[in-house]
C-alpha atoms as a PDB file:
ATOM      1  CA  UNK A   1     157.930 -55.983  28.180  1.00  0.00           C
ATOM      2  CA  UNK A   2     155.472 -56.190  31.002  1.00  0.00           C
ATOM      3  CA  UNK A   3     151.706 -55.628  30.619  1.00  0.00           C
ATOM      4  CA  UNK A   4     150.607 -52.073  31.378  1.00  0.00           C
ATOM      5  CA  UNK A   5     148.298 -51.547  34.315  1.00  0.00           C
ATOM      6  CA  UNK A   6     144.785 -50.973  32.870  1.00  0.00           C
ATOM      7  CA  UNK A   7     143.538 -49.312  36.121  1.00  0.00           C
ATOM      8  CA  UNK A   8     146.274 -46.922  37.253  1.00  0.00           C
ATOM      9  CA  UNK A   9     143.926 -44.541  39.061  1.00  0.00           C
ATOM     10  CA  UNK A  10     142.256 -47.264  41.075  1.00  0.00           C
ATOM     11  CA  UNK A  11     145.623 -48.831  41.988  1.00  0.00           C
ATOM     12  CA  UNK A  12     146.935 -45.448  43.116  1.00  0.00           C
ATOM     13  CA  UNK A  13     143.860 -44.767  45.262  1.00  0.00           C
ATOM     14  CA  UNK A  14     143.885 -48.203  46.909  1.00  0.00           C
ATOM     15  CA  UNK A  15     147.640 -48.364  47.509  1.00  0.00           C
ATOM     16  CA  UNK A  16     148.100 -44.877  48.912  1.00  0.00           C
ATOM     17  CA  UNK A  17     148.054 -44.618  52.723  1.00  0.00           C
ATOM     18  CA  UNK A  18     146.293 -41.239  53.094  1.00  0.00           C
ATOM     19  CA  UNK A  19     142.866 -42.790  52.384  1.00  0.00           C
ATOM     20  CA  UNK A  20     143.141 -44.363  55.885  1.00  0.00           C
ATOM     21  CA  UNK A  21     143.155 -40.979  57.536  1.00  0.00           C
ATOM     22  CA  UNK A  22     139.998 -39.377  58.805  1.00  0.00           C
ATOM     23  CA  UNK A  23     137.900 -42.479  58.470  1.00  0.00           C
ATOM     24  CA  UNK A  24     135.563 -43.924  61.097  1.00  0.00           C
ATOM     25  CA  UNK A  25     137.052 -45.610  64.142  1.00  0.00           C
ATOM     26  CA  UNK A  26     137.506 -49.369  63.974  1.00  0.00           C
ATOM     27  CA  UNK A  27     135.735 -51.304  66.723  1.00  0.00           C
ATOM     28  CA  UNK A  28     137.942 -54.288  67.593  1.00  0.00           C
ATOM     29  CA  UNK A  29     136.436 -57.224  69.467  1.00  0.00           C
ATOM     30  CA  UNK A  30     139.531 -58.440  71.373  1.00  0.00           C
ATOM     31  CA  UNK A  31     137.989 -61.718  72.491  1.00  0.00           C
ATOM     32  CA  UNK A  32     136.833 -62.371  68.945  1.00  0.00           C
ATOM     33  CA  UNK A  33     140.325 -61.532  67.644  1.00  0.00           C
ATOM     34  CA  UNK A  34     141.889 -64.028  70.018  1.00  0.00           C
ATOM     35  CA  UNK A  35     139.367 -66.707  68.947  1.00  0.00           C
ATOM     36  CA  UNK A  36     140.127 -65.837  65.298  1.00  0.00           C
ATOM     37  CA  UNK A  37     143.827 -66.382  65.986  1.00  0.00           C
ATOM     38  CA  UNK A  38     143.097 -69.689  67.691  1.00  0.00           C
ATOM     39  CA  UNK A  39     140.990 -70.948  64.791  1.00  0.00           C
ATOM     40  CA  UNK A  40     143.619 -69.944  62.228  1.00  0.00           C
ATOM     41  CA  UNK A  41     146.295 -71.779  64.206  1.00  0.00           C
ATOM     42  CA  UNK A  42     144.053 -74.826  64.357  1.00  0.00           C
ATOM     43  CA  UNK A  43     143.593 -74.694  60.553  1.00  0.00           C
ATOM     44  CA  UNK A  44     147.326 -74.387  60.089  1.00  0.00           C
ATOM     45  CA  UNK A  45     147.933 -77.476  62.261  1.00  0.00           C
ATOM     46  CA  UNK A  46     145.235 -79.398  60.448  1.00  0.00           C
ATOM     47  CA  UNK A  47     146.792 -78.692  57.052  1.00  0.00           C
ATOM     48  CA  UNK A  48     150.202 -79.734  58.311  1.00  0.00           C
ATOM     49  CA  UNK A  49     148.776 -82.980  59.729  1.00  0.00           C
ATOM     50  CA  UNK A  50     147.038 -83.853  56.437  1.00  0.00           C
ATOM     51  CA  UNK A  51     150.010 -83.052  54.173  1.00  0.00           C
ATOM     52  CA  UNK A  52     151.111 -86.708  54.280  1.00  0.00           C
ATOM     53  CA  UNK A  53     147.957 -87.720  52.483  1.00  0.00           C
ATOM     54  CA  UNK A  54     149.364 -86.101  49.293  1.00  0.00           C
ATOM     55  CA  UNK A  55     152.402 -88.411  49.212  1.00  0.00           C
ATOM     56  CA  UNK A  56     150.718 -90.884  46.828  1.00  0.00           C
ATOM     57  CA  UNK A  57     150.413 -88.083  44.262  1.00  0.00           C
ATOM     58  CA  UNK A  58     154.211 -88.117  44.008  1.00  0.00           C
ATOM     59  CA  UNK A  59     154.872 -91.835  44.602  1.00  0.00           C
ATOM     60  CA  UNK A  60     152.256 -93.350  42.291  1.00  0.00           C
ATOM     61  CA  UNK A  61     153.526 -91.807  39.025  1.00  0.00           C
ATOM     62  CA  UNK A  62     157.011 -93.098  39.784  1.00  0.00           C
ATOM     63  CA  UNK A  63     155.628 -96.583  40.461  1.00  0.00           C
ATOM     64  CA  UNK A  64     153.280 -96.568  37.456  1.00  0.00           C
ATOM     65  CA  UNK A  65     155.986 -95.596  34.969  1.00  0.00           C
ATOM     66  CA  UNK A  66     158.981 -97.463  36.412  1.00  0.00           C
ATOM     67  CA  UNK A  67     161.713 -99.066  34.375  1.00  0.00           C
ATOM     68  CA  UNK A  68     162.193 -98.703  30.592  1.00  0.00           C
ATOM     69  CA  UNK A  69     159.205 -96.753  29.348  1.00  0.00           C
ATOM     70  CA  UNK A  70     158.316 -94.713  26.285  1.00  0.00           C
ATOM     71  CA  UNK A  71     159.319 -91.070  26.180  1.00  0.00           C
ATOM     72  CA  UNK A  72     155.673 -90.016  26.303  1.00  0.00           C
ATOM     73  CA  UNK A  73     155.169 -92.046  29.504  1.00  0.00           C
ATOM     74  CA  UNK A  74     158.241 -90.434  31.034  1.00  0.00           C
ATOM     75  CA  UNK A  75     156.867 -87.001  30.172  1.00  0.00           C
ATOM     76  CA  UNK A  76     153.538 -87.878  31.818  1.00  0.00           C
ATOM     77  CA  UNK A  77     155.357 -89.081  34.933  1.00  0.00           C
ATOM     78  CA  UNK A  78     157.380 -85.861  35.134  1.00  0.00           C
ATOM     79  CA  UNK A  79     154.269 -83.697  34.611  1.00  0.00           C
ATOM     80  CA  UNK A  80     152.300 -85.473  37.315  1.00  0.00           C
ATOM     81  CA  UNK A  81     155.145 -85.253  39.801  1.00  0.00           C
ATOM     82  CA  UNK A  82     155.678 -81.586  39.002  1.00  0.00           C
ATOM     83  CA  UNK A  83     151.995 -80.874  39.534  1.00  0.00           C
ATOM     84  CA  UNK A  84     152.068 -82.752  42.874  1.00  0.00           C
ATOM     85  CA  UNK A  85     155.137 -80.814  43.982  1.00  0.00           C
ATOM     86  CA  UNK A  86     153.492 -77.502  43.017  1.00  0.00           C
ATOM     87  CA  UNK A  87     150.338 -78.399  44.951  1.00  0.00           C
ATOM     88  CA  UNK A  88     152.391 -79.364  48.011  1.00  0.00           C
ATOM     89  CA  UNK A  89     154.339 -76.081  47.826  1.00  0.00           C
ATOM     90  CA  UNK A  90     151.101 -74.088  47.521  1.00  0.00           C
ATOM     91  CA  UNK A  91     149.501 -75.771  50.527  1.00  0.00           C
ATOM     92  CA  UNK A  92     152.693 -75.322  52.575  1.00  0.00           C
ATOM     93  CA  UNK A  93     152.760 -71.596  51.812  1.00  0.00           C
ATOM     94  CA  UNK A  94     149.024 -71.373  52.569  1.00  0.00           C
ATOM     95  CA  UNK A  95     149.557 -73.001  55.975  1.00  0.00           C
ATOM     96  CA  UNK A  96     152.451 -70.647  56.628  1.00  0.00           C
ATOM     97  CA  UNK A  97     150.258 -67.659  55.717  1.00  0.00           C
ATOM     98  CA  UNK A  98     147.548 -68.819  58.119  1.00  0.00           C
ATOM     99  CA  UNK A  99     150.136 -68.978  60.858  1.00  0.00           C
ATOM    100  CA  UNK A 100     151.379 -65.471  60.033  1.00  0.00           C
ATOM    101  CA  UNK A 101     147.928 -63.979  60.232  1.00  0.00           C
ATOM    102  CA  UNK A 102     147.151 -65.910  63.444  1.00  0.00           C
ATOM    103  CA  UNK A 103     150.313 -64.597  65.113  1.00  0.00           C
ATOM    104  CA  UNK A 104     149.587 -61.080  63.981  1.00  0.00           C
ATOM    105  CA  UNK A 105     145.987 -61.218  65.270  1.00  0.00           C
ATOM    106  CA  UNK A 106     147.130 -62.508  68.649  1.00  0.00           C
ATOM    107  CA  UNK A 107     149.806 -59.801  68.883  1.00  0.00           C
ATOM    108  CA  UNK A 108     147.280 -57.058  68.119  1.00  0.00           C
ATOM    109  CA  UNK A 109     144.803 -58.446  70.658  1.00  0.00           C
ATOM    110  CA  UNK A 110     147.506 -58.457  73.365  1.00  0.00           C
ATOM    111  CA  UNK A 111     148.601 -54.954  72.397  1.00  0.00           C
ATOM    112  CA  UNK A 112     145.086 -53.548  72.873  1.00  0.00           C
ATOM    113  CA  UNK A 113     144.387 -55.344  76.139  1.00  0.00           C
ATOM    114  CA  UNK A 114     144.383 -52.065  78.120  1.00  0.00           C
ATOM    115  CA  UNK A 115     142.175 -49.020  77.504  1.00  0.00           C
ATOM    116  CA  UNK A 116     145.197 -46.731  77.134  1.00  0.00           C
ATOM    117  CA  UNK A 117     146.565 -48.943  74.393  1.00  0.00           C
ATOM    118  CA  UNK A 118     143.274 -48.801  72.472  1.00  0.00           C
ATOM    119  CA  UNK A 119     143.241 -45.024  72.591  1.00  0.00           C
ATOM    120  CA  UNK A 120     146.752 -44.946  71.099  1.00  0.00           C
ATOM    121  CA  UNK A 121     146.151 -47.599  68.431  1.00  0.00           C
ATOM    122  CA  UNK A 122     147.725 -47.045  65.036  1.00  0.00           C
ATOM    123  CA  UNK A 123     148.500 -48.769  61.791  1.00  0.00           C
ATOM    124  CA  UNK A 124     152.070 -49.229  63.030  1.00  0.00           C
ATOM    125  CA  UNK A 125     150.799 -51.846  65.517  1.00  0.00           C
ATOM    126  CA  UNK A 126     149.598 -53.955  62.609  1.00  0.00           C
ATOM    127  CA  UNK A 127     152.906 -53.517  60.797  1.00  0.00           C
ATOM    128  CA  UNK A 128     154.767 -54.553  63.941  1.00  0.00           C
ATOM    129  CA  UNK A 129     152.579 -57.642  64.295  1.00  0.00           C
ATOM    130  CA  UNK A 130     153.647 -58.740  60.801  1.00  0.00           C
ATOM    131  CA  UNK A 131     157.361 -58.283  61.597  1.00  0.00           C
ATOM    132  CA  UNK A 132     158.105 -54.763  60.336  1.00  0.00           C
ATOM    133  CA  UNK A 133     161.256 -53.740  62.248  1.00  0.00           C
ATOM    134  CA  UNK A 134     161.068 -50.093  61.149  1.00  0.00           C
ATOM    135  CA  UNK A 135     158.034 -49.270  63.335  1.00  0.00           C
ATOM    136  CA  UNK A 136     157.976 -48.825  67.136  1.00  0.00           C
ATOM    137  CA  UNK A 137     156.814 -51.526  69.492  1.00  0.00           C
ATOM    138  CA  UNK A 138     153.103 -51.234  70.475  1.00  0.00           C
ATOM    139  CA  UNK A 139     152.766 -49.498  73.834  1.00  0.00           C
ATOM    140  CA  UNK A 140     150.330 -52.051  75.250  1.00  0.00           C
ATOM    141  CA  UNK A 141     152.189 -55.191  74.218  1.00  0.00           C
ATOM    142  CA  UNK A 142     153.298 -57.201  77.302  1.00  0.00           C
ATOM    143  CA  UNK A 143     157.032 -57.367  77.795  1.00  0.00           C
ATOM    144  CA  UNK A 144     157.137 -61.152  77.569  1.00  0.00           C
ATOM    145  CA  UNK A 145     155.813 -60.961  74.026  1.00  0.00           C
ATOM    146  CA  UNK A 146     158.532 -58.778  72.624  1.00  0.00           C
ATOM    147  CA  UNK A 147     159.686 -60.954  69.707  1.00  0.00           C
ATOM    148  CA  UNK A 148     158.312 -60.287  66.214  1.00  0.00           C
ATOM    149  CA  UNK A 149     157.396 -63.132  63.932  1.00  0.00           C
ATOM    150  CA  UNK A 150     160.672 -62.661  62.027  1.00  0.00           C
ATOM    151  CA  UNK A 151     162.701 -62.893  65.244  1.00  0.00           C
ATOM    152  CA  UNK A 152     160.857 -66.064  66.222  1.00  0.00           C
ATOM    153  CA  UNK A 153     161.610 -67.593  62.840  1.00  0.00           C
ATOM    154  CA  UNK A 154     165.283 -66.659  63.128  1.00  0.00           C
ATOM    155  CA  UNK A 155     165.435 -68.236  66.592  1.00  0.00           C
ATOM    156  CA  UNK A 156     164.001 -71.459  65.235  1.00  0.00           C
ATOM    157  CA  UNK A 157     166.378 -71.375  62.290  1.00  0.00           C
ATOM    158  CA  UNK A 158     169.346 -70.955  64.670  1.00  0.00           C
ATOM    159  CA  UNK A 159     168.493 -74.289  66.374  1.00  0.00           C
ATOM    160  CA  UNK A 160     170.245 -77.402  65.005  1.00  0.00           C
ATOM    161  CA  UNK A 161     168.229 -79.399  62.419  1.00  0.00           C
ATOM    162  CA  UNK A 162     166.524 -82.594  63.570  1.00  0.00           C
ATOM    163  CA  UNK A 163     168.738 -85.682  63.529  1.00  0.00           C
ATOM    164  CA  UNK A 164     167.058 -87.058  60.421  1.00  0.00           C
ATOM    165  CA  UNK A 165     167.082 -83.778  58.486  1.00  0.00           C
ATOM    166  CA  UNK A 166     168.457 -83.610  54.955  1.00  0.00           C
ATOM    167  CA  UNK A 167     170.324 -80.416  55.889  1.00  0.00           C
ATOM    168  CA  UNK A 168     173.187 -82.367  57.429  1.00  0.00           C
ATOM    169  CA  UNK A 169     176.247 -82.691  55.215  1.00  0.00           C
ATOM    170  CA  UNK A 170     177.189 -86.350  55.515  1.00  0.00           C
ATOM    171  CA  UNK A 171     180.773 -86.972  56.604  1.00  0.00           C
ATOM    172  CA  UNK A 172     182.904 -90.078  56.053  1.00  0.00           C
ATOM    173  CA  UNK A 173     182.333 -93.202  58.140  1.00  0.00           C
ATOM    174  CA  UNK A 174     185.452 -93.856  60.227  1.00  0.00           C
ATOM    175  CA  UNK A 175     186.139 -97.331  61.693  1.00  0.00           C
ATOM    176  CA  UNK A 176     187.057 -97.237  65.375  1.00  0.00           C
ATOM    177  CA  UNK A 177     187.319-100.999  65.877  1.00  0.00           C
ATOM    178  CA  UNK A 178     186.112-104.189  64.296  1.00  0.00           C
ATOM    179  CA  UNK A 179     182.687-103.538  65.730  1.00  0.00           C
ATOM    180  CA  UNK A 180     182.369 -99.750  65.882  1.00  0.00           C
ATOM    181  CA  UNK A 181     182.241 -96.848  63.403  1.00  0.00           C
ATOM    182  CA  UNK A 182     181.748 -93.088  63.815  1.00  0.00           C
ATOM    183  CA  UNK A 183     180.277 -90.664  61.323  1.00  0.00           C
ATOM    184  CA  UNK A 184     180.457 -86.867  61.880  1.00  0.00           C
ATOM    185  CA  UNK A 185     178.179 -84.607  59.861  1.00  0.00           C
ATOM    186  CA  UNK A 186     178.003 -80.776  59.785  1.00  0.00           C
ATOM    187  CA  UNK A 187     174.888 -78.603  59.920  1.00  0.00           C
ATOM    188  CA  UNK A 188     174.082 -75.416  57.978  1.00  0.00           C
ATOM    189  CA  UNK A 189     175.156 -73.144  60.866  1.00  0.00           C
ATOM    190  CA  UNK A 190     178.218 -74.935  62.195  1.00  0.00           C
ATOM    191  CA  UNK A 191     176.368 -77.612  64.190  1.00  0.00           C
ATOM    192  CA  UNK A 192     177.723 -81.145  64.485  1.00  0.00           C
ATOM    193  CA  UNK A 193     176.014 -84.523  64.429  1.00  0.00           C
ATOM    194  CA  UNK A 194     177.942 -87.582  65.615  1.00  0.00           C
ATOM    195  CA  UNK A 195     176.594 -91.096  64.988  1.00  0.00           C
ATOM    196  CA  UNK A 196     178.412 -93.923  66.756  1.00  0.00           C
ATOM    197  CA  UNK A 197     177.386 -97.362  65.485  1.00  0.00           C
ATOM    198  CA  UNK A 198     178.271-100.592  67.296  1.00  0.00           C
ATOM    199  CA  UNK A 199     177.490-103.966  65.712  1.00  0.00           C
ATOM    200  CA  UNK A 200     177.811-106.687  68.316  1.00  0.00           C
ATOM    201  CA  UNK A 201     178.382-110.342  67.512  1.00  0.00           C
ATOM    202  CA  UNK A 202     174.972-111.831  66.831  1.00  0.00           C
ATOM    203  CA  UNK A 203     173.745-109.013  64.617  1.00  0.00           C
ATOM    204  CA  UNK A 204     172.382-106.482  67.145  1.00  0.00           C
ATOM    205  CA  UNK A 205     173.272-102.931  66.063  1.00  0.00           C
ATOM    206  CA  UNK A 206     173.247 -99.913  68.396  1.00  0.00           C
ATOM    207  CA  UNK A 207     173.470 -96.407  66.945  1.00  0.00           C
ATOM    208  CA  UNK A 208     173.915 -93.411  69.251  1.00  0.00           C
ATOM    209  CA  UNK A 209     173.220 -89.958  67.768  1.00  0.00           C
ATOM    210  CA  UNK A 210     174.517 -86.796  69.452  1.00  0.00           C
ATOM    211  CA  UNK A 211     173.597 -83.293  68.271  1.00  0.00           C
ATOM    212  CA  UNK A 212     175.994 -80.448  69.230  1.00  0.00           C
ATOM    213  CA  UNK A 213     175.148 -76.820  68.506  1.00  0.00           C
ATOM    214  CA  UNK A 214     177.557 -74.249  67.065  1.00  0.00           C
ATOM    215  CA  UNK A 215     178.635 -73.216  70.582  1.00  0.00           C
ATOM    216  CA  UNK A 216     179.793 -76.733  71.406  1.00  0.00           C
ATOM    217  CA  UNK A 217     176.807 -77.500  73.723  1.00  0.00           C
ATOM    218  CA  UNK A 218     175.162 -80.905  73.488  1.00  0.00           C
ATOM    219  CA  UNK A 219     171.563 -80.374  72.430  1.00  0.00           C
ATOM    220  CA  UNK A 220     170.281 -83.948  72.353  1.00  0.00           C
ATOM    221  CA  UNK A 221     171.402 -87.540  72.549  1.00  0.00           C
ATOM    222  CA  UNK A 222     169.389 -90.577  71.488  1.00  0.00           C
ATOM    223  CA  UNK A 223     170.071 -94.136  70.479  1.00  0.00           C
ATOM    224  CA  UNK A 224     168.473 -96.944  68.554  1.00  0.00           C
ATOM    225  CA  UNK A 225     168.915-100.693  68.861  1.00  0.00           C
ATOM    226  CA  UNK A 226     168.199-102.761  65.792  1.00  0.00           C
ATOM    227  CA  UNK A 227     167.835-106.559  65.828  1.00  0.00           C
ATOM    228  CA  UNK A 228     166.427-109.113  63.402  1.00  0.00           C
ATOM    229  CA  UNK A 229     165.235-112.689  63.470  1.00  0.00           C
ATOM    230  CA  UNK A 230     163.939-115.161  60.886  1.00  0.00           C
ATOM    231  CA  UNK A 231     161.050-117.552  61.555  1.00  0.00           C
ATOM    232  CA  UNK A 232     160.522-119.657  58.483  1.00  0.00           C
ATOM    233  CA  UNK A 233     159.400-117.367  55.633  1.00  0.00           C
ATOM    234  CA  UNK A 234     159.004-114.356  57.936  1.00  0.00           C
ATOM    235  CA  UNK A 235     161.809-111.907  58.749  1.00  0.00           C
ATOM    236  CA  UNK A 236     161.194-109.590  61.691  1.00  0.00           C
ATOM    237  CA  UNK A 237     163.230-106.409  62.228  1.00  0.00           C
ATOM    238  CA  UNK A 238     162.871-104.520  65.529  1.00  0.00           C
ATOM    239  CA  UNK A 239     164.103-100.961  66.073  1.00  0.00           C
ATOM    240  CA  UNK A 240     163.984 -99.646  69.663  1.00  0.00           C
ATOM    241  CA  UNK A 241     164.532 -95.920  70.347  1.00  0.00           C
ATOM    242  CA  UNK A 242     165.973 -94.691  73.687  1.00  0.00           C
ATOM    243  CA  UNK A 243     166.603 -91.313  75.303  1.00  0.00           C
ATOM    244  CA  UNK A 244     170.044 -90.235  76.657  1.00  0.00           C
ATOM    245  CA  UNK A 245     169.264 -91.793  80.019  1.00  0.00           C
ATOM    246  CA  UNK A 246     168.254 -95.119  78.496  1.00  0.00           C
ATOM    247  CA  UNK A 247     164.490 -94.712  78.666  1.00  0.00           C
ATOM    248  CA  UNK A 248     162.594 -96.532  75.896  1.00  0.00           C
ATOM    249  CA  UNK A 249     160.469 -94.121  73.859  1.00  0.00           C
ATOM    250  CA  UNK A 250     159.297 -96.121  70.862  1.00  0.00           C
ATOM    251  CA  UNK A 251     159.566 -99.512  69.207  1.00  0.00           C
ATOM    252  CA  UNK A 252     159.079-100.155  65.483  1.00  0.00           C
ATOM    253  CA  UNK A 253     158.608-103.744  64.290  1.00  0.00           C
ATOM    254  CA  UNK A 254     158.647-104.655  60.599  1.00  0.00           C
ATOM    255  CA  UNK A 255     157.524-108.132  59.544  1.00  0.00           C
ATOM    256  CA  UNK A 256     158.260-109.267  55.989  1.00  0.00           C
ATOM    257  CA  UNK A 257     156.901-112.517  54.538  1.00  0.00           C
ATOM    258  CA  UNK A 258     158.661-114.073  51.522  1.00  0.00           C
ATOM    259  CA  UNK A 259     157.600-116.559  48.900  1.00  0.00           C
ATOM    260  CA  UNK A 260     160.902-117.625  47.450  1.00  0.00           C
ATOM    261  CA  UNK A 261     162.709-114.329  46.829  1.00  0.00           C
ATOM    262  CA  UNK A 262     159.541-112.286  46.456  1.00  0.00           C
ATOM    263  CA  UNK A 263     157.886-110.273  49.198  1.00  0.00           C
ATOM    264  CA  UNK A 264     154.211-111.176  49.570  1.00  0.00           C
ATOM    265  CA  UNK A 265     153.312-109.330  52.779  1.00  0.00           C
ATOM    266  CA  UNK A 266     154.809-106.664  54.980  1.00  0.00           C
ATOM    267  CA  UNK A 267     153.690-104.752  58.035  1.00  0.00           C
ATOM    268  CA  UNK A 268     155.358-101.967  60.052  1.00  0.00           C
ATOM    269  CA  UNK A 269     154.003-101.115  63.484  1.00  0.00           C
ATOM    270  CA  UNK A 270     155.266 -98.387  65.856  1.00  0.00           C
ATOM    271  CA  UNK A 271     154.287 -98.402  69.529  1.00  0.00           C
ATOM    272  CA  UNK A 272     155.134 -95.857  72.226  1.00  0.00           C
ATOM    273  CA  UNK A 273     156.689 -96.464  75.630  1.00  0.00           C
ATOM    274  CA  UNK A 274     153.289 -97.486  77.062  1.00  0.00           C
ATOM    275  CA  UNK A 275     152.739-100.045  74.318  1.00  0.00           C
ATOM    276  CA  UNK A 276     150.135 -98.022  72.429  1.00  0.00           C
ATOM    277  CA  UNK A 277     150.222 -98.270  68.626  1.00  0.00           C
ATOM    278  CA  UNK A 278     150.967 -94.879  67.075  1.00  0.00           C
ATOM    279  CA  UNK A 279     151.101 -96.019  63.450  1.00  0.00           C
ATOM    280  CA  UNK A 280     150.589 -99.173  61.395  1.00  0.00           C
ATOM    281  CA  UNK A 281     151.295 -99.752  57.687  1.00  0.00           C
ATOM    282  CA  UNK A 282     150.430-103.003  55.928  1.00  0.00           C
ATOM    283  CA  UNK A 283     151.187-104.149  52.377  1.00  0.00           C
ATOM    284  CA  UNK A 284     149.896-107.267  50.662  1.00  0.00           C
ATOM    285  CA  UNK A 285     151.242-108.373  47.284  1.00  0.00           C
ATOM    286  CA  UNK A 286     149.637-110.939  44.963  1.00  0.00           C
ATOM    287  CA  UNK A 287     152.489-113.353  44.167  1.00  0.00           C
ATOM    288  CA  UNK A 288     151.102-114.044  40.667  1.00  0.00           C
ATOM    289  CA  UNK A 289     150.092-110.619  39.379  1.00  0.00           C
ATOM    290  CA  UNK A 290     152.238-108.502  41.749  1.00  0.00           C
ATOM    291  CA  UNK A 291     149.200-106.357  42.431  1.00  0.00           C
ATOM    292  CA  UNK A 292     149.544-104.720  45.834  1.00  0.00           C
ATOM    293  CA  UNK A 293     147.467-102.913  48.440  1.00  0.00           C
ATOM    294  CA  UNK A 294     149.092-100.650  51.047  1.00  0.00           C
ATOM    295  CA  UNK A 295     147.016 -99.425  53.999  1.00  0.00           C
ATOM    296  CA  UNK A 296     147.947 -96.905  56.676  1.00  0.00           C
ATOM    297  CA  UNK A 297     146.324 -96.809  60.102  1.00  0.00           C
ATOM    298  CA  UNK A 298     146.406 -94.182  62.838  1.00  0.00           C
ATOM    299  CA  UNK A 299     144.717 -94.133  66.271  1.00  0.00           C
ATOM    300  CA  UNK A 300     141.581 -92.037  66.556  1.00  0.00           C
ATOM    301  CA  UNK A 301     140.617 -89.908  69.550  1.00  0.00           C
ATOM    302  CA  UNK A 302     139.552 -93.028  71.509  1.00  0.00           C
ATOM    303  CA  UNK A 303     142.799 -94.800  70.712  1.00  0.00           C
ATOM    304  CA  UNK A 304     141.329 -97.314  68.260  1.00  0.00           C
ATOM    305  CA  UNK A 305     143.155 -97.749  64.950  1.00  0.00           C
ATOM    306  CA  UNK A 306     141.348 -96.453  61.865  1.00  0.00           C
ATOM    307  CA  UNK A 307     142.417 -96.667  58.231  1.00  0.00           C
ATOM    308  CA  UNK A 308     143.560 -93.244  57.043  1.00  0.00           C
ATOM    309  CA  UNK A 309     144.956 -94.097  53.613  1.00  0.00           C
ATOM    310  CA  UNK A 310     144.912 -96.918  51.088  1.00  0.00           C
ATOM    311  CA  UNK A 311     146.927 -97.270  47.855  1.00  0.00           C
ATOM    312  CA  UNK A 312     146.301-100.024  45.339  1.00  0.00           C
ATOM    313  CA  UNK A 313     148.828-100.746  42.615  1.00  0.00           C
ATOM    314  CA  UNK A 314     147.930-102.650  39.474  1.00  0.00           C
ATOM    315  CA  UNK A 315     149.767-105.456  37.728  1.00  0.00           C
ATOM    316  CA  UNK A 316     153.468-104.918  37.526  1.00  0.00           C
ATOM    317  CA  UNK A 317     155.181-105.541  34.180  1.00  0.00           C
ATOM    318  CA  UNK A 318     158.839-105.780  33.240  1.00  0.00           C
ATOM    319  CA  UNK A 319     158.487-103.044  30.595  1.00  0.00           C
ATOM    320  CA  UNK A 320     159.331-103.268  26.918  1.00  0.00           C
ATOM    321  CA  UNK A 321     162.151-105.482  25.706  1.00  0.00           C
ATOM    322  CA  UNK A 322     164.714-103.754  23.503  1.00  0.00           C
ATOM    323  CA  UNK A 323     166.072-105.905  20.686  1.00  0.00           C
ATOM    324  CA  UNK A 324     169.566-105.519  19.291  1.00  0.00           C
END
């Protein structure tokens, strides 16, 4: 049984539309409204850019309580990861809400651009800005801005997922020859992703990914070339990414240093077509205690790398030994 509303009269007064009638006119600063929309969009982008900083909240509990652990430790791990997931979901919805309000503010500002539109302003314009399909289109809204937020979202949803999206249903890997395989995956709306992998003698692997929409039109084609070499205790893996016309877009190089069979140091650097570093991750592991420090670097506005995240992991143990 739900809790009864302790303030029914106040709720009725606040939620009933007639209180809007007969009130004073609202003075809308259109330039200020556009600036408000811009700032909200900026905040949404900032939240999205910083979401990666929360990854350690999910990863660290899994690392800290790995292997055979007590039930209490497993419960702590599950609780910490659940809290991290809830925080991530909250921030994602908050960023989405900021984008909704920003889009609505921009739509209203464009609707009231002309004096005639201001004189005919109504609450329906606000409802339209937030995607209400039951209200008429604002008279002053330019024709090139006819899509509501809902329609924009549906248009984005109709596009095929990115090539690395988890929405693809993985298909079987079919051998074509001794050196080539093809895997065809299906998208949520009938799209198709084809990955052709060729492993040439010598160890160089080339994977070509083609995305086809539900109408049979090719949306994108890209390829990666992966090679590896070993110089003493260091293994270097290089992944080059190319466009459909063979233009190099990015190169990722991972260097791993071994001491026996244990990894003591690893770095992953990605550079763009002009040779500028876009990301760098380094990990150093103490061979005796297995303590590790992982640092992430990103270029600042001037192009210089700055450390944006650091994670230190304590001594690793093998966990309890079970007798019997």
